[in-house]
Amino acid sequence: MKRWILQTILLRKIKLKRLDLYAKAKSLGRKDHRVITCSQELDALLNKYQSLL
């Protein structure tokens, strides 16, 4: 698959994961394990995107 397509897909996933993280943090609190897991998943997506640049 072309690089720009992968970047576009990853950016969309990053946006959705960030919104998910904000919602979970607001409702569960920042120290909840589900919020931390979501944050780690966002970190992984960001790292993957960075590696494509």
PDB file of N, CA and C in Angstrom:
ATOM      1  N   MET A   1       0.848  -1.171   0.000  1.00  0.00           N
ATOM      2  CA  MET A   1       0.000   0.000   0.000  1.00  0.00           C
ATOM      3  C   MET A   1       0.898   1.240   0.000  1.00  0.00           C
ATOM      4  N   LYS A   2       0.425   2.277  -0.627  1.00  0.00           N
ATOM      5  CA  LYS A   2       1.218   3.497  -0.709  1.00  0.00           C
ATOM      6  C   LYS A   2       1.343   4.153   0.660  1.00  0.00           C
ATOM      7  N   ARG A   3       2.484   4.792   0.854  1.00  0.00           N
ATOM      8  CA  ARG A   3       2.797   5.411   2.142  1.00  0.00           C
ATOM      9  C   ARG A   3       1.750   6.444   2.551  1.00  0.00           C
ATOM     10  N   TRP A   4       1.314   7.289   1.613  1.00  0.00           N
ATOM     11  CA  TRP A   4       0.368   8.348   1.974  1.00  0.00           C
ATOM     12  C   TRP A   4      -0.980   7.781   2.392  1.00  0.00           C
ATOM     13  N   ILE A   5      -1.338   6.632   1.841  1.00  0.00           N
ATOM     14  CA  ILE A   5      -2.594   5.988   2.254  1.00  0.00           C
ATOM     15  C   ILE A   5      -2.463   5.493   3.693  1.00  0.00           C
ATOM     16  N   LEU A   6      -1.334   4.867   4.005  1.00  0.00           N
ATOM     17  CA  LEU A   6      -1.102   4.400   5.376  1.00  0.00           C
ATOM     18  C   LEU A   6      -1.098   5.568   6.361  1.00  0.00           C
ATOM     19  N   GLN A   7      -0.460   6.672   5.958  1.00  0.00           N
ATOM     20  CA  GLN A   7      -0.423   7.845   6.828  1.00  0.00           C
ATOM     21  C   GLN A   7      -1.831   8.389   7.072  1.00  0.00           C
ATOM     22  N   THR A   8      -2.642   8.436   6.028  1.00  0.00           N
ATOM     23  CA  THR A   8      -4.006   8.935   6.154  1.00  0.00           C
ATOM     24  C   THR A   8      -4.830   8.040   7.082  1.00  0.00           C
ATOM     25  N   ILE A   9      -4.690   6.740   6.915  1.00  0.00           N
ATOM     26  CA  ILE A   9      -5.407   5.790   7.774  1.00  0.00           C
ATOM     27  C   ILE A   9      -4.964   5.940   9.226  1.00  0.00           C
ATOM     28  N   LEU A  10      -3.660   6.039   9.427  1.00  0.00           N
ATOM     29  CA  LEU A  10      -3.142   6.197  10.795  1.00  0.00           C
ATOM     30  C   LEU A  10      -3.606   7.499  11.428  1.00  0.00           C
ATOM     31  N   LEU A  11      -3.620   8.581  10.665  1.00  0.00           N
ATOM     32  CA  LEU A  11      -4.082   9.858  11.208  1.00  0.00           C
ATOM     33  C   LEU A  11      -5.536   9.774  11.654  1.00  0.00           C
ATOM     34  N   ARG A  12      -6.347   9.064  10.899  1.00  0.00           N
ATOM     35  CA  ARG A  12      -7.755   8.881  11.274  1.00  0.00           C
ATOM     36  C   ARG A  12      -7.869   8.060  12.558  1.00  0.00           C
ATOM     37  N   LYS A  13      -7.079   6.986  12.646  1.00  0.00           N
ATOM     38  CA  LYS A  13      -7.088   6.162  13.857  1.00  0.00           C
ATOM     39  C   LYS A  13      -6.603   6.963  15.063  1.00  0.00           C
ATOM     40  N   ILE A  14      -5.597   7.801  14.856  1.00  0.00           N
ATOM     41  CA  ILE A  14      -5.068   8.645  15.934  1.00  0.00           C
ATOM     42  C   ILE A  14      -6.143   9.608  16.416  1.00  0.00           C
ATOM     43  N   LYS A  15      -6.846  10.238  15.473  1.00  0.00           N
ATOM     44  CA  LYS A  15      -7.905  11.172  15.844  1.00  0.00           C
ATOM     45  C   LYS A  15      -8.992  10.482  16.667  1.00  0.00           C
ATOM     46  N   LEU A  16      -9.428   9.304  16.217  1.00  0.00           N
ATOM     47  CA  LEU A  16     -10.469   8.571  16.940  1.00  0.00           C
ATOM     48  C   LEU A  16      -9.991   8.109  18.314  1.00  0.00           C
ATOM     49  N   LYS A  17      -8.766   7.633  18.395  1.00  0.00           N
ATOM     50  CA  LYS A  17      -8.221   7.162  19.675  1.00  0.00           C
ATOM     51  C   LYS A  17      -8.079   8.335  20.644  1.00  0.00           C
ATOM     52  N   ARG A  18      -7.678   9.501  20.136  1.00  0.00           N
ATOM     53  CA  ARG A  18      -7.543  10.682  20.996  1.00  0.00           C
ATOM     54  C   ARG A  18      -8.908  11.090  21.560  1.00  0.00           C
ATOM     55  N   LEU A  19      -9.931  11.073  20.721  1.00  0.00           N
ATOM     56  CA  LEU A  19     -11.279  11.399  21.202  1.00  0.00           C
ATOM     57  C   LEU A  19     -11.742  10.389  22.243  1.00  0.00           C
ATOM     58  N   ASP A  20     -11.452   9.120  22.003  1.00  0.00           N
ATOM     59  CA  ASP A  20     -11.786   8.056  22.950  1.00  0.00           C
ATOM     60  C   ASP A  20     -11.075   8.285  24.281  1.00  0.00           C
ATOM     61  N   LEU A  21      -9.812   8.639  24.204  1.00  0.00           N
ATOM     62  CA  LEU A  21      -9.012   8.894  25.408  1.00  0.00           C
ATOM     63  C   LEU A  21      -9.599  10.056  26.211  1.00  0.00           C
ATOM     64  N   TYR A  22      -9.929  11.155  25.532  1.00  0.00           N
ATOM     65  CA  TYR A  22     -10.505  12.310  26.221  1.00  0.00           C
ATOM     66  C   TYR A  22     -11.809  11.942  26.931  1.00  0.00           C
ATOM     67  N   ALA A  23     -12.652  11.189  26.237  1.00  0.00           N
ATOM     68  CA  ALA A  23     -13.941  10.803  26.822  1.00  0.00           C
ATOM     69  C   ALA A  23     -13.745   9.901  28.032  1.00  0.00           C
ATOM     70  N   LYS A  24     -12.846   8.930  27.917  1.00  0.00           N
ATOM     71  CA  LYS A  24     -12.592   8.024  29.040  1.00  0.00           C
ATOM     72  C   LYS A  24     -11.984   8.769  30.221  1.00  0.00           C
ATOM     73  N   ALA A  25     -11.046   9.664  29.948  1.00  0.00           N
ATOM     74  CA  ALA A  25     -10.414  10.420  31.034  1.00  0.00           C
ATOM     75  C   ALA A  25     -11.442  11.293  31.754  1.00  0.00           C
ATOM     76  N   LYS A  26     -12.351  11.855  30.997  1.00  0.00           N
ATOM     77  CA  LYS A  26     -13.368  12.716  31.597  1.00  0.00           C
ATOM     78  C   LYS A  26     -14.328  11.922  32.478  1.00  0.00           C
ATOM     79  N   SER A  27     -14.701  10.736  32.015  1.00  0.00           N
ATOM     80  CA  SER A  27     -15.700   9.970  32.771  1.00  0.00           C
ATOM     81  C   SER A  27     -15.088   9.071  33.847  1.00  0.00           C
ATOM     82  N   LEU A  28     -13.876   8.573  33.618  1.00  0.00           N
ATOM     83  CA  LEU A  28     -13.282   7.604  34.547  1.00  0.00           C
ATOM     84  C   LEU A  28     -12.172   8.186  35.429  1.00  0.00           C
ATOM     85  N   GLY A  29     -11.613   9.312  35.013  1.00  0.00           N
ATOM     86  CA  GLY A  29     -10.477   9.877  35.726  1.00  0.00           C
ATOM     87  C   GLY A  29      -9.176   9.440  35.054  1.00  0.00           C
ATOM     88  N   ARG A  30      -8.167  10.259  35.174  1.00  0.00           N
ATOM     89  CA  ARG A  30      -6.912  10.018  34.455  1.00  0.00           C
ATOM     90  C   ARG A  30      -6.116   8.828  34.962  1.00  0.00           C
ATOM     91  N   LYS A  31      -6.374   8.358  36.154  1.00  0.00           N
ATOM     92  CA  LYS A  31      -5.579   7.260  36.723  1.00  0.00           C
ATOM     93  C   LYS A  31      -6.199   5.883  36.534  1.00  0.00           C
ATOM     94  N   ASP A  32      -7.375   5.826  35.941  1.00  0.00           N
ATOM     95  CA  ASP A  32      -8.041   4.549  35.701  1.00  0.00           C
ATOM     96  C   ASP A  32      -7.233   3.717  34.710  1.00  0.00           C
ATOM     97  N   HIS A  33      -7.177   2.411  34.934  1.00  0.00           N
ATOM     98  CA  HIS A  33      -6.356   1.542  34.087  1.00  0.00           C
ATOM     99  C   HIS A  33      -6.829   1.534  32.634  1.00  0.00           C
ATOM    100  N   ARG A  34      -8.122   1.743  32.404  1.00  0.00           N
ATOM    101  CA  ARG A  34      -8.641   1.780  31.030  1.00  0.00           C
ATOM    102  C   ARG A  34      -8.173   3.035  30.300  1.00  0.00           C
ATOM    103  N   VAL A  35      -8.037   4.123  31.024  1.00  0.00           N
ATOM    104  CA  VAL A  35      -7.530   5.366  30.437  1.00  0.00           C
ATOM    105  C   VAL A  35      -6.045   5.211  30.120  1.00  0.00           C
ATOM    106  N   ILE A  36      -5.313   4.611  31.028  1.00  0.00           N
ATOM    107  CA  ILE A  36      -3.878   4.402  30.807  1.00  0.00           C
ATOM    108  C   ILE A  36      -3.647   3.474  29.625  1.00  0.00           C
ATOM    109  N   THR A  37      -4.441   2.409  29.516  1.00  0.00           N
ATOM    110  CA  THR A  37      -4.324   1.493  28.379  1.00  0.00           C
ATOM    111  C   THR A  37      -4.624   2.216  27.071  1.00  0.00           C
ATOM    112  N   CYS A  38      -5.659   3.030  27.066  1.00  0.00           N
ATOM    113  CA  CYS A  38      -6.017   3.794  25.873  1.00  0.00           C
ATOM    114  C   CYS A  38      -4.897   4.761  25.501  1.00  0.00           C
ATOM    115  N   SER A  39      -4.295   5.379  26.491  1.00  0.00           N
ATOM    116  CA  SER A  39      -3.172   6.290  26.259  1.00  0.00           C
ATOM    117  C   SER A  39      -1.983   5.548  25.642  1.00  0.00           C
ATOM    118  N   GLN A  40      -1.728   4.357  26.118  1.00  0.00           N
ATOM    119  CA  GLN A  40      -0.641   3.555  25.569  1.00  0.00           C
ATOM    120  C   GLN A  40      -0.927   3.145  24.123  1.00  0.00           C
ATOM    121  N   GLU A  41      -2.184   2.858  23.836  1.00  0.00           N
ATOM    122  CA  GLU A  41      -2.565   2.521  22.465  1.00  0.00           C
ATOM    123  C   GLU A  41      -2.376   3.734  21.550  1.00  0.00           C
ATOM    124  N   LEU A  42      -2.724   4.915  22.046  1.00  0.00           N
ATOM    125  CA  LEU A  42      -2.502   6.141  21.281  1.00  0.00           C
ATOM    126  C   LEU A  42      -1.015   6.358  21.047  1.00  0.00           C
ATOM    127  N   ASP A  43      -0.202   6.144  22.070  1.00  0.00           N
ATOM    128  CA  ASP A  43       1.249   6.264  21.925  1.00  0.00           C
ATOM    129  C   ASP A  43       1.775   5.344  20.826  1.00  0.00           C
ATOM    130  N   ALA A  44       1.272   4.120  20.786  1.00  0.00           N
ATOM    131  CA  ALA A  44       1.715   3.153  19.773  1.00  0.00           C
ATOM    132  C   ALA A  44       1.346   3.635  18.369  1.00  0.00           C
ATOM    133  N   LEU A  45       0.143   4.170  18.215  1.00  0.00           N
ATOM    134  CA  LEU A  45      -0.265   4.702  16.910  1.00  0.00           C
ATOM    135  C   LEU A  45       0.606   5.884  16.501  1.00  0.00           C
ATOM    136  N   LEU A  46       0.899   6.769  17.449  1.00  0.00           N
ATOM    137  CA  LEU A  46       1.746   7.923  17.157  1.00  0.00           C
ATOM    138  C   LEU A  46       3.161   7.487  16.766  1.00  0.00           C
ATOM    139  N   ASN A  47       3.683   6.503  17.459  1.00  0.00           N
ATOM    140  CA  ASN A  47       5.013   5.985  17.127  1.00  0.00           C
ATOM    141  C   ASN A  47       5.036   5.367  15.732  1.00  0.00           C
ATOM    142  N   LYS A  48       3.987   4.642  15.410  1.00  0.00           N
ATOM    143  CA  LYS A  48       3.893   4.014  14.086  1.00  0.00           C
ATOM    144  C   LYS A  48       3.821   5.094  13.000  1.00  0.00           C
ATOM    145  N   TYR A  49       3.023   6.134  13.243  1.00  0.00           N
ATOM    146  CA  TYR A  49       2.923   7.239  12.281  1.00  0.00           C
ATOM    147  C   TYR A  49       4.281   7.920  12.106  1.00  0.00           C
ATOM    148  N   GLN A  50       4.949   8.174  13.231  1.00  0.00           N
ATOM    149  CA  GLN A  50       6.257   8.840  13.182  1.00  0.00           C
ATOM    150  C   GLN A  50       7.257   8.037  12.373  1.00  0.00           C
ATOM    151  N   SER A  51       7.180   6.722  12.444  1.00  0.00           N
ATOM    152  CA  SER A  51       8.127   5.870  11.725  1.00  0.00           C
ATOM    153  C   SER A  51       7.906   5.931  10.211  1.00  0.00           C
ATOM    154  N   LEU A  52       6.710   6.361   9.779  1.00  0.00           N
ATOM    155  CA  LEU A  52       6.417   6.483   8.354  1.00  0.00           C
ATOM    156  C   LEU A  52       6.904   7.793   7.761  1.00  0.00           C
ATOM    157  N   LEU A  53       7.231   8.754   8.604  1.00  0.00           N
ATOM    158  CA  LEU A  53       7.671  10.062   8.106  1.00  0.00           C
ATOM    159  C   LEU A  53       9.103  10.023   7.651  1.00  0.00           C
TER     160      LEU A  53
END
